[in-house]
Amino acid sequence: MAESAAALLTFPCRFPIKVMGAHAEGFVAAIAHVARAFDPGFEEASIEVRPSRNGRYLGLTLTVQVHSREQLDELYRTLTTHPMVSVVL
């Protein structure tokens, strides 16, 4: 995360994260599992799901409660290294 963007955040806060990956069975549940590891109150039903035009990929928006920049950075690292994830924004 860019230094200037993090400086604008006040913690704790709710932070939206966009995740893209192949439209595969279990993708949404896997990403929800990661989110719950960082935000125990995270609800899978709150994930916004958008299929790509051709239906091969899914774009997810999840909003998580984070308590520090370190926690947010670690969540990004965990998502970007997940085998089902193509892109994290």
PDB file of N, CA and C in Angstrom:
ATOM      1  N   MET A   1       0.851  -1.167   0.000  1.00  0.00           N
ATOM      2  CA  MET A   1       0.000   0.000   0.000  1.00  0.00           C
ATOM      3  C   MET A   1       0.902   1.237   0.000  1.00  0.00           C
ATOM      4  N   ALA A   2       0.514   2.236  -0.747  1.00  0.00           N
ATOM      5  CA  ALA A   2       1.318   3.458  -0.830  1.00  0.00           C
ATOM      6  C   ALA A   2       1.347   4.174   0.509  1.00  0.00           C
ATOM      7  N   GLU A   3       2.500   4.735   0.819  1.00  0.00           N
ATOM      8  CA  GLU A   3       2.690   5.416   2.103  1.00  0.00           C
ATOM      9  C   GLU A   3       1.657   6.530   2.294  1.00  0.00           C
ATOM     10  N   SER A   4       1.418   7.347   1.265  1.00  0.00           N
ATOM     11  CA  SER A   4       0.495   8.472   1.400  1.00  0.00           C
ATOM     12  C   SER A   4      -0.937   7.999   1.616  1.00  0.00           C
ATOM     13  N   ALA A   5      -1.337   6.897   0.980  1.00  0.00           N
ATOM     14  CA  ALA A   5      -2.693   6.390   1.163  1.00  0.00           C
ATOM     15  C   ALA A   5      -2.896   5.901   2.591  1.00  0.00           C
ATOM     16  N   ALA A   6      -1.924   5.208   3.151  1.00  0.00           N
ATOM     17  CA  ALA A   6      -2.044   4.706   4.507  1.00  0.00           C
ATOM     18  C   ALA A   6      -2.070   5.845   5.515  1.00  0.00           C
ATOM     19  N   ALA A   7      -1.371   6.917   5.218  1.00  0.00           N
ATOM     20  CA  ALA A   7      -1.338   8.055   6.134  1.00  0.00           C
ATOM     21  C   ALA A   7      -2.715   8.696   6.258  1.00  0.00           C
ATOM     22  N   LEU A   8      -3.571   8.518   5.254  1.00  0.00           N
ATOM     23  CA  LEU A   8      -4.903   9.102   5.277  1.00  0.00           C
ATOM     24  C   LEU A   8      -5.906   8.267   6.059  1.00  0.00           C
ATOM     25  N   LEU A   9      -5.549   7.050   6.397  1.00  0.00           N
ATOM     26  CA  LEU A   9      -6.462   6.164   7.121  1.00  0.00           C
ATOM     27  C   LEU A   9      -6.373   6.397   8.623  1.00  0.00           C
ATOM     28  N   THR A  10      -7.523   6.299   9.265  1.00  0.00           N
ATOM     29  CA  THR A  10      -7.586   6.334  10.719  1.00  0.00           C
ATOM     30  C   THR A  10      -8.082   4.971  11.165  1.00  0.00           C
ATOM     31  N   PHE A  11      -7.323   4.319  12.016  1.00  0.00           N
ATOM     32  CA  PHE A  11      -7.672   2.970  12.462  1.00  0.00           C
ATOM     33  C   PHE A  11      -8.320   3.017  13.823  1.00  0.00           C
ATOM     34  N   PRO A  12      -9.241   2.099  14.111  1.00  0.00           N
ATOM     35  CA  PRO A  12      -9.757   1.060  13.216  1.00  0.00           C
ATOM     36  C   PRO A  12     -10.672   1.669  12.154  1.00  0.00           C
ATOM     37  N   CYS A  13     -10.818   0.943  11.028  1.00  0.00           N
ATOM     38  CA  CYS A  13     -11.702   1.391   9.953  1.00  0.00           C
ATOM     39  C   CYS A  13     -12.169   0.197   9.131  1.00  0.00           C
ATOM     40  N   ARG A  14     -13.223   0.444   8.376  1.00  0.00           N
ATOM     41  CA  ARG A  14     -13.698  -0.562   7.419  1.00  0.00           C
ATOM     42  C   ARG A  14     -13.043  -0.217   6.099  1.00  0.00           C
ATOM     43  N   PHE A  15     -12.436  -1.224   5.456  1.00  0.00           N
ATOM     44  CA  PHE A  15     -11.637  -0.971   4.256  1.00  0.00           C
ATOM     45  C   PHE A  15     -12.067  -1.919   3.137  1.00  0.00           C
ATOM     46  N   PRO A  16     -12.436  -1.372   1.975  1.00  0.00           N
ATOM     47  CA  PRO A  16     -12.831  -2.231   0.855  1.00  0.00           C
ATOM     48  C   PRO A  16     -11.609  -2.745   0.090  1.00  0.00           C
ATOM     49  N   ILE A  17     -11.641  -4.008  -0.265  1.00  0.00           N
ATOM     50  CA  ILE A  17     -10.565  -4.635  -1.031  1.00  0.00           C
ATOM     51  C   ILE A  17     -11.194  -5.360  -2.212  1.00  0.00           C
ATOM     52  N   LYS A  18     -10.618  -5.172  -3.386  1.00  0.00           N
ATOM     53  CA  LYS A  18     -11.092  -5.867  -4.583  1.00  0.00           C
ATOM     54  C   LYS A  18     -10.141  -7.020  -4.883  1.00  0.00           C
ATOM     55  N   VAL A  19     -10.725  -8.180  -5.139  1.00  0.00           N
ATOM     56  CA  VAL A  19      -9.958  -9.396  -5.410  1.00  0.00           C
ATOM     57  C   VAL A  19     -10.500 -10.016  -6.693  1.00  0.00           C
ATOM     58  N   MET A  20      -9.599 -10.398  -7.582  1.00  0.00           N
ATOM     59  CA  MET A  20     -10.016 -11.068  -8.820  1.00  0.00           C
ATOM     60  C   MET A  20      -9.360 -12.439  -8.907  1.00  0.00           C
ATOM     61  N   GLY A  21     -10.121 -13.386  -9.432  1.00  0.00           N
ATOM     62  CA  GLY A  21      -9.601 -14.727  -9.625  1.00  0.00           C
ATOM     63  C   GLY A  21     -10.466 -15.490 -10.604  1.00  0.00           C
ATOM     64  N   ALA A  22     -10.039 -16.673 -10.970  1.00  0.00           N
ATOM     65  CA  ALA A  22     -10.800 -17.512 -11.894  1.00  0.00           C
ATOM     66  C   ALA A  22     -12.151 -17.860 -11.281  1.00  0.00           C
ATOM     67  N   HIS A  23     -13.154 -17.969 -12.131  1.00  0.00           N
ATOM     68  CA  HIS A  23     -14.498 -18.341 -11.678  1.00  0.00           C
ATOM     69  C   HIS A  23     -14.487 -19.841 -11.394  1.00  0.00           C
ATOM     70  N   ALA A  24     -14.021 -20.187 -10.205  1.00  0.00           N
ATOM     71  CA  ALA A  24     -13.867 -21.589  -9.821  1.00  0.00           C
ATOM     72  C   ALA A  24     -14.679 -21.872  -8.563  1.00  0.00           C
ATOM     73  N   GLU A  25     -15.127 -23.107  -8.456  1.00  0.00           N
ATOM     74  CA  GLU A  25     -15.868 -23.515  -7.266  1.00  0.00           C
ATOM     75  C   GLU A  25     -14.993 -23.314  -6.031  1.00  0.00           C
ATOM     76  N   GLY A  26     -15.551 -22.701  -5.006  1.00  0.00           N
ATOM     77  CA  GLY A  26     -14.839 -22.501  -3.758  1.00  0.00           C
ATOM     78  C   GLY A  26     -14.063 -21.201  -3.667  1.00  0.00           C
ATOM     79  N   PHE A  27     -14.001 -20.416  -4.750  1.00  0.00           N
ATOM     80  CA  PHE A  27     -13.228 -19.168  -4.731  1.00  0.00           C
ATOM     81  C   PHE A  27     -13.771 -18.187  -3.695  1.00  0.00           C
ATOM     82  N   VAL A  28     -15.075 -17.930  -3.721  1.00  0.00           N
ATOM     83  CA  VAL A  28     -15.665 -16.966  -2.790  1.00  0.00           C
ATOM     84  C   VAL A  28     -15.478 -17.436  -1.349  1.00  0.00           C
ATOM     85  N   ALA A  29     -15.719 -18.709  -1.088  1.00  0.00           N
ATOM     86  CA  ALA A  29     -15.564 -19.246   0.269  1.00  0.00           C
ATOM     87  C   ALA A  29     -14.112 -19.155   0.738  1.00  0.00           C
ATOM     88  N   ALA A  30     -13.163 -19.406  -0.167  1.00  0.00           N
ATOM     89  CA  ALA A  30     -11.744 -19.333   0.203  1.00  0.00           C
ATOM     90  C   ALA A  30     -11.349 -17.909   0.576  1.00  0.00           C
ATOM     91  N   ILE A  31     -11.824 -16.930  -0.174  1.00  0.00           N
ATOM     92  CA  ILE A  31     -11.490 -15.540   0.109  1.00  0.00           C
ATOM     93  C   ILE A  31     -12.178 -15.093   1.401  1.00  0.00           C
ATOM     94  N   ALA A  32     -13.406 -15.549   1.634  1.00  0.00           N
ATOM     95  CA  ALA A  32     -14.102 -15.237   2.888  1.00  0.00           C
ATOM     96  C   ALA A  32     -13.337 -15.816   4.075  1.00  0.00           C
ATOM     97  N   HIS A  33     -12.782 -16.998   3.915  1.00  0.00           N
ATOM     98  CA  HIS A  33     -11.998 -17.637   4.985  1.00  0.00           C
ATOM     99  C   HIS A  33     -10.772 -16.777   5.329  1.00  0.00           C
ATOM    100  N   VAL A  34     -10.093 -16.266   4.308  1.00  0.00           N
ATOM    101  CA  VAL A  34      -8.938 -15.383   4.543  1.00  0.00           C
ATOM    102  C   VAL A  34      -9.401 -14.117   5.261  1.00  0.00           C
ATOM    103  N   ALA A  35     -10.492 -13.527   4.786  1.00  0.00           N
ATOM    104  CA  ALA A  35     -10.989 -12.290   5.398  1.00  0.00           C
ATOM    105  C   ALA A  35     -11.326 -12.509   6.872  1.00  0.00           C
ATOM    106  N   ARG A  36     -11.957 -13.646   7.191  1.00  0.00           N
ATOM    107  CA  ARG A  36     -12.323 -13.937   8.592  1.00  0.00           C
ATOM    108  C   ARG A  36     -11.096 -14.112   9.482  1.00  0.00           C
ATOM    109  N   ALA A  37      -9.984 -14.531   8.902  1.00  0.00           N
ATOM    110  CA  ALA A  37      -8.761 -14.677   9.691  1.00  0.00           C
ATOM    111  C   ALA A  37      -8.276 -13.315  10.190  1.00  0.00           C
ATOM    112  N   PHE A  38      -8.607 -12.253   9.477  1.00  0.00           N
ATOM    113  CA  PHE A  38      -8.189 -10.901   9.854  1.00  0.00           C
ATOM    114  C   PHE A  38      -9.314 -10.108  10.495  1.00  0.00           C
ATOM    115  N   ASP A  39     -10.562 -10.482  10.202  1.00  0.00           N
ATOM    116  CA  ASP A  39     -11.747  -9.812  10.733  1.00  0.00           C
ATOM    117  C   ASP A  39     -12.738 -10.901  11.128  1.00  0.00           C
ATOM    118  N   PRO A  40     -12.683 -11.369  12.390  1.00  0.00           N
ATOM    119  CA  PRO A  40     -13.525 -12.491  12.821  1.00  0.00           C
ATOM    120  C   PRO A  40     -15.024 -12.267  12.592  1.00  0.00           C
ATOM    121  N   GLY A  41     -15.462 -11.026  12.526  1.00  0.00           N
ATOM    122  CA  GLY A  41     -16.880 -10.740  12.298  1.00  0.00           C
ATOM    123  C   GLY A  41     -17.266 -10.659  10.837  1.00  0.00           C
ATOM    124  N   PHE A  42     -16.327 -10.949   9.929  1.00  0.00           N
ATOM    125  CA  PHE A  42     -16.599 -10.834   8.496  1.00  0.00           C
ATOM    126  C   PHE A  42     -17.663 -11.839   8.070  1.00  0.00           C
ATOM    127  N   GLU A  43     -18.611 -11.371   7.272  1.00  0.00           N
ATOM    128  CA  GLU A  43     -19.702 -12.220   6.789  1.00  0.00           C
ATOM    129  C   GLU A  43     -19.533 -12.473   5.293  1.00  0.00           C
ATOM    130  N   GLU A  44     -19.494 -13.732   4.890  1.00  0.00           N
ATOM    131  CA  GLU A  44     -19.343 -14.074   3.473  1.00  0.00           C
ATOM    132  C   GLU A  44     -20.448 -13.452   2.629  1.00  0.00           C
ATOM    133  N   ALA A  45     -21.651 -13.344   3.187  1.00  0.00           N
ATOM    134  CA  ALA A  45     -22.785 -12.782   2.444  1.00  0.00           C
ATOM    135  C   ALA A  45     -22.580 -11.315   2.075  1.00  0.00           C
ATOM    136  N   SER A  46     -21.631 -10.643   2.731  1.00  0.00           N
ATOM    137  CA  SER A  46     -21.387  -9.227   2.435  1.00  0.00           C
ATOM    138  C   SER A  46     -20.497  -9.014   1.212  1.00  0.00           C
ATOM    139  N   ILE A  47     -19.937 -10.080   0.661  1.00  0.00           N
ATOM    140  CA  ILE A  47     -19.053  -9.963  -0.500  1.00  0.00           C
ATOM    141  C   ILE A  47     -19.868  -9.608  -1.735  1.00  0.00           C
ATOM    142  N   GLU A  48     -19.443  -8.575  -2.440  1.00  0.00           N
ATOM    143  CA  GLU A  48     -20.052  -8.226  -3.728  1.00  0.00           C
ATOM    144  C   GLU A  48     -19.338  -9.041  -4.794  1.00  0.00           C
ATOM    145  N   VAL A  49     -20.103  -9.765  -5.609  1.00  0.00           N
ATOM    146  CA  VAL A  49     -19.535 -10.654  -6.621  1.00  0.00           C
ATOM    147  C   VAL A  49     -19.951 -10.171  -8.005  1.00  0.00           C
ATOM    148  N   ARG A  50     -18.960 -10.016  -8.899  1.00  0.00           N
ATOM    149  CA  ARG A  50     -19.227  -9.621 -10.278  1.00  0.00           C
ATOM    150  C   ARG A  50     -18.459 -10.548 -11.226  1.00  0.00           C
ATOM    151  N   PRO A  51     -19.181 -11.281 -12.067  1.00  0.00           N
ATOM    152  CA  PRO A  51     -18.486 -12.113 -13.047  1.00  0.00           C
ATOM    153  C   PRO A  51     -17.929 -11.241 -14.180  1.00  0.00           C
ATOM    154  N   SER A  52     -16.862 -11.698 -14.811  1.00  0.00           N
ATOM    155  CA  SER A  52     -16.313 -10.991 -15.967  1.00  0.00           C
ATOM    156  C   SER A  52     -17.290 -11.137 -17.141  1.00  0.00           C
ATOM    157  N   ARG A  53     -17.055 -10.378 -18.174  1.00  0.00           N
ATOM    158  CA  ARG A  53     -17.935 -10.388 -19.337  1.00  0.00           C
ATOM    159  C   ARG A  53     -18.086 -11.798 -19.913  1.00  0.00           C
ATOM    160  N   ASN A  54     -16.986 -12.522 -19.980  1.00  0.00           N
ATOM    161  CA  ASN A  54     -17.046 -13.873 -20.550  1.00  0.00           C
ATOM    162  C   ASN A  54     -17.310 -14.954 -19.504  1.00  0.00           C
ATOM    163  N   GLY A  55     -17.388 -14.549 -18.217  1.00  0.00           N
ATOM    164  CA  GLY A  55     -17.721 -15.492 -17.154  1.00  0.00           C
ATOM    165  C   GLY A  55     -16.576 -16.344 -16.654  1.00  0.00           C
ATOM    166  N   ARG A  56     -15.361 -16.119 -17.153  1.00  0.00           N
ATOM    167  CA  ARG A  56     -14.224 -16.940 -16.720  1.00  0.00           C
ATOM    168  C   ARG A  56     -13.616 -16.465 -15.411  1.00  0.00           C
ATOM    169  N   TYR A  57     -13.864 -15.221 -15.032  1.00  0.00           N
ATOM    170  CA  TYR A  57     -13.281 -14.651 -13.814  1.00  0.00           C
ATOM    171  C   TYR A  57     -14.369 -14.060 -12.935  1.00  0.00           C
ATOM    172  N   LEU A  58     -14.048 -13.926 -11.657  1.00  0.00           N
ATOM    173  CA  LEU A  58     -14.933 -13.251 -10.714  1.00  0.00           C
ATOM    174  C   LEU A  58     -14.184 -12.082 -10.095  1.00  0.00           C
ATOM    175  N   GLY A  59     -14.872 -10.975  -9.958  1.00  0.00           N
ATOM    176  CA  GLY A  59     -14.356  -9.841  -9.211  1.00  0.00           C
ATOM    177  C   GLY A  59     -15.126  -9.767  -7.902  1.00  0.00           C
ATOM    178  N   LEU A  60     -14.409  -9.742  -6.802  1.00  0.00           N
ATOM    179  CA  LEU A  60     -15.036  -9.674  -5.484  1.00  0.00           C
ATOM    180  C   LEU A  60     -14.663  -8.363  -4.813  1.00  0.00           C
ATOM    181  N   THR A  61     -15.608  -7.771  -4.111  1.00  0.00           N
ATOM    182  CA  THR A  61     -15.302  -6.638  -3.246  1.00  0.00           C
ATOM    183  C   THR A  61     -15.686  -7.055  -1.837  1.00  0.00           C
ATOM    184  N   LEU A  62     -14.702  -7.039  -0.950  1.00  0.00           N
ATOM    185  CA  LEU A  62     -14.965  -7.348   0.445  1.00  0.00           C
ATOM    186  C   LEU A  62     -14.545  -6.160   1.294  1.00  0.00           C
ATOM    187  N   THR A  63     -15.353  -5.852   2.281  1.00  0.00           N
ATOM    188  CA  THR A  63     -15.048  -4.743   3.176  1.00  0.00           C
ATOM    189  C   THR A  63     -14.754  -5.342   4.544  1.00  0.00           C
ATOM    190  N   VAL A  64     -13.526  -5.131   4.998  1.00  0.00           N
ATOM    191  CA  VAL A  64     -13.073  -5.729   6.257  1.00  0.00           C
ATOM    192  C   VAL A  64     -12.793  -4.655   7.296  1.00  0.00           C
ATOM    193  N   GLN A  65     -12.952  -5.016   8.540  1.00  0.00           N
ATOM    194  CA  GLN A  65     -12.616  -4.139   9.662  1.00  0.00           C
ATOM    195  C   GLN A  65     -11.137  -4.376   9.984  1.00  0.00           C
ATOM    196  N   VAL A  66     -10.319  -3.336   9.863  1.00  0.00           N
ATOM    197  CA  VAL A  66      -8.891  -3.458  10.173  1.00  0.00           C
ATOM    198  C   VAL A  66      -8.524  -2.491  11.295  1.00  0.00           C
ATOM    199  N   HIS A  67      -7.521  -2.885  12.077  1.00  0.00           N
ATOM    200  CA  HIS A  67      -7.149  -2.123  13.261  1.00  0.00           C
ATOM    201  C   HIS A  67      -5.782  -1.457  13.172  1.00  0.00           C
ATOM    202  N   SER A  68      -5.031  -1.764  12.105  1.00  0.00           N
ATOM    203  CA  SER A  68      -3.714  -1.140  11.950  1.00  0.00           C
ATOM    204  C   SER A  68      -3.259  -1.280  10.508  1.00  0.00           C
ATOM    205  N   ARG A  69      -2.300  -0.462  10.149  1.00  0.00           N
ATOM    206  CA  ARG A  69      -1.723  -0.570   8.806  1.00  0.00           C
ATOM    207  C   ARG A  69      -1.046  -1.922   8.645  1.00  0.00           C
ATOM    208  N   GLU A  70      -0.379  -2.397   9.690  1.00  0.00           N
ATOM    209  CA  GLU A  70       0.299  -3.696   9.629  1.00  0.00           C
ATOM    210  C   GLU A  70      -0.696  -4.818   9.326  1.00  0.00           C
ATOM    211  N   GLN A  71      -1.861  -4.774   9.971  1.00  0.00           N
ATOM    212  CA  GLN A  71      -2.889  -5.783   9.735  1.00  0.00           C
ATOM    213  C   GLN A  71      -3.370  -5.714   8.280  1.00  0.00           C
ATOM    214  N   LEU A  72      -3.590  -4.505   7.776  1.00  0.00           N
ATOM    215  CA  LEU A  72      -4.041  -4.326   6.400  1.00  0.00           C
ATOM    216  C   LEU A  72      -2.985  -4.822   5.414  1.00  0.00           C
ATOM    217  N   ASP A  73      -1.719  -4.476   5.664  1.00  0.00           N
ATOM    218  CA  ASP A  73      -0.628  -4.938   4.800  1.00  0.00           C
ATOM    219  C   ASP A  73      -0.532  -6.461   4.787  1.00  0.00           C
ATOM    220  N   GLU A  74      -0.690  -7.078   5.947  1.00  0.00           N
ATOM    221  CA  GLU A  74      -0.608  -8.539   6.028  1.00  0.00           C
ATOM    222  C   GLU A  74      -1.791  -9.192   5.301  1.00  0.00           C
ATOM    223  N   LEU A  75      -2.960  -8.591   5.388  1.00  0.00           N
ATOM    224  CA  LEU A  75      -4.122  -9.101   4.656  1.00  0.00           C
ATOM    225  C   LEU A  75      -3.852  -9.046   3.154  1.00  0.00           C
ATOM    226  N   TYR A  76      -3.326  -7.918   2.664  1.00  0.00           N
ATOM    227  CA  TYR A  76      -2.967  -7.812   1.242  1.00  0.00           C
ATOM    228  C   TYR A  76      -1.948  -8.879   0.852  1.00  0.00           C
ATOM    229  N   ARG A  77      -0.920  -9.066   1.676  1.00  0.00           N
ATOM    230  CA  ARG A  77       0.106 -10.086   1.374  1.00  0.00           C
ATOM    231  C   ARG A  77      -0.515 -11.481   1.308  1.00  0.00           C
ATOM    232  N   THR A  78      -1.384 -11.773   2.252  1.00  0.00           N
ATOM    233  CA  THR A  78      -2.019 -13.090   2.298  1.00  0.00           C
ATOM    234  C   THR A  78      -2.894 -13.313   1.068  1.00  0.00           C
ATOM    235  N   LEU A  79      -3.648 -12.303   0.686  1.00  0.00           N
ATOM    236  CA  LEU A  79      -4.501 -12.442  -0.492  1.00  0.00           C
ATOM    237  C   LEU A  79      -3.680 -12.560  -1.774  1.00  0.00           C
ATOM    238  N   THR A  80      -2.641 -11.751  -1.924  1.00  0.00           N
ATOM    239  CA  THR A  80      -1.863 -11.775  -3.160  1.00  0.00           C
ATOM    240  C   THR A  80      -1.100 -13.084  -3.344  1.00  0.00           C
ATOM    241  N   THR A  81      -0.815 -13.785  -2.262  1.00  0.00           N
ATOM    242  CA  THR A  81      -0.095 -15.058  -2.382  1.00  0.00           C
ATOM    243  C   THR A  81      -1.042 -16.260  -2.419  1.00  0.00           C
ATOM    244  N   HIS A  82      -2.348 -16.025  -2.303  1.00  0.00           N
ATOM    245  CA  HIS A  82      -3.313 -17.124  -2.346  1.00  0.00           C
ATOM    246  C   HIS A  82      -3.339 -17.713  -3.755  1.00  0.00           C
ATOM    247  N   PRO A  83      -3.301 -19.032  -3.883  1.00  0.00           N
ATOM    248  CA  PRO A  83      -3.227 -19.654  -5.219  1.00  0.00           C
ATOM    249  C   PRO A  83      -4.433 -19.400  -6.121  1.00  0.00           C
ATOM    250  N   MET A  84      -5.579 -19.039  -5.550  1.00  0.00           N
ATOM    251  CA  MET A  84      -6.768 -18.802  -6.368  1.00  0.00           C
ATOM    252  C   MET A  84      -6.903 -17.342  -6.817  1.00  0.00           C
ATOM    253  N   VAL A  85      -6.044 -16.479  -6.302  1.00  0.00           N
ATOM    254  CA  VAL A  85      -6.152 -15.035  -6.560  1.00  0.00           C
ATOM    255  C   VAL A  85      -5.229 -14.605  -7.698  1.00  0.00           C
ATOM    256  N   SER A  86      -5.788 -13.829  -8.624  1.00  0.00           N
ATOM    257  CA  SER A  86      -5.002 -13.263  -9.724  1.00  0.00           C
ATOM    258  C   SER A  86      -4.532 -11.854  -9.409  1.00  0.00           C
ATOM    259  N   VAL A  87      -5.425 -11.009  -8.859  1.00  0.00           N
ATOM    260  CA  VAL A  87      -5.136  -9.597  -8.622  1.00  0.00           C
ATOM    261  C   VAL A  87      -5.822  -9.146  -7.343  1.00  0.00           C
ATOM    262  N   VAL A  88      -5.133  -8.278  -6.580  1.00  0.00           N
ATOM    263  CA  VAL A  88      -5.732  -7.641  -5.403  1.00  0.00           C
ATOM    264  C   VAL A  88      -5.549  -6.144  -5.545  1.00  0.00           C
ATOM    265  N   LEU A  89      -6.605  -5.407  -5.393  1.00  0.00           N
ATOM    266  CA  LEU A  89      -6.566  -3.938  -5.473  1.00  0.00           C
ATOM    267  C   LEU A  89      -7.109  -3.331  -4.199  1.00  0.00           C
TER     268      LEU A  89
END
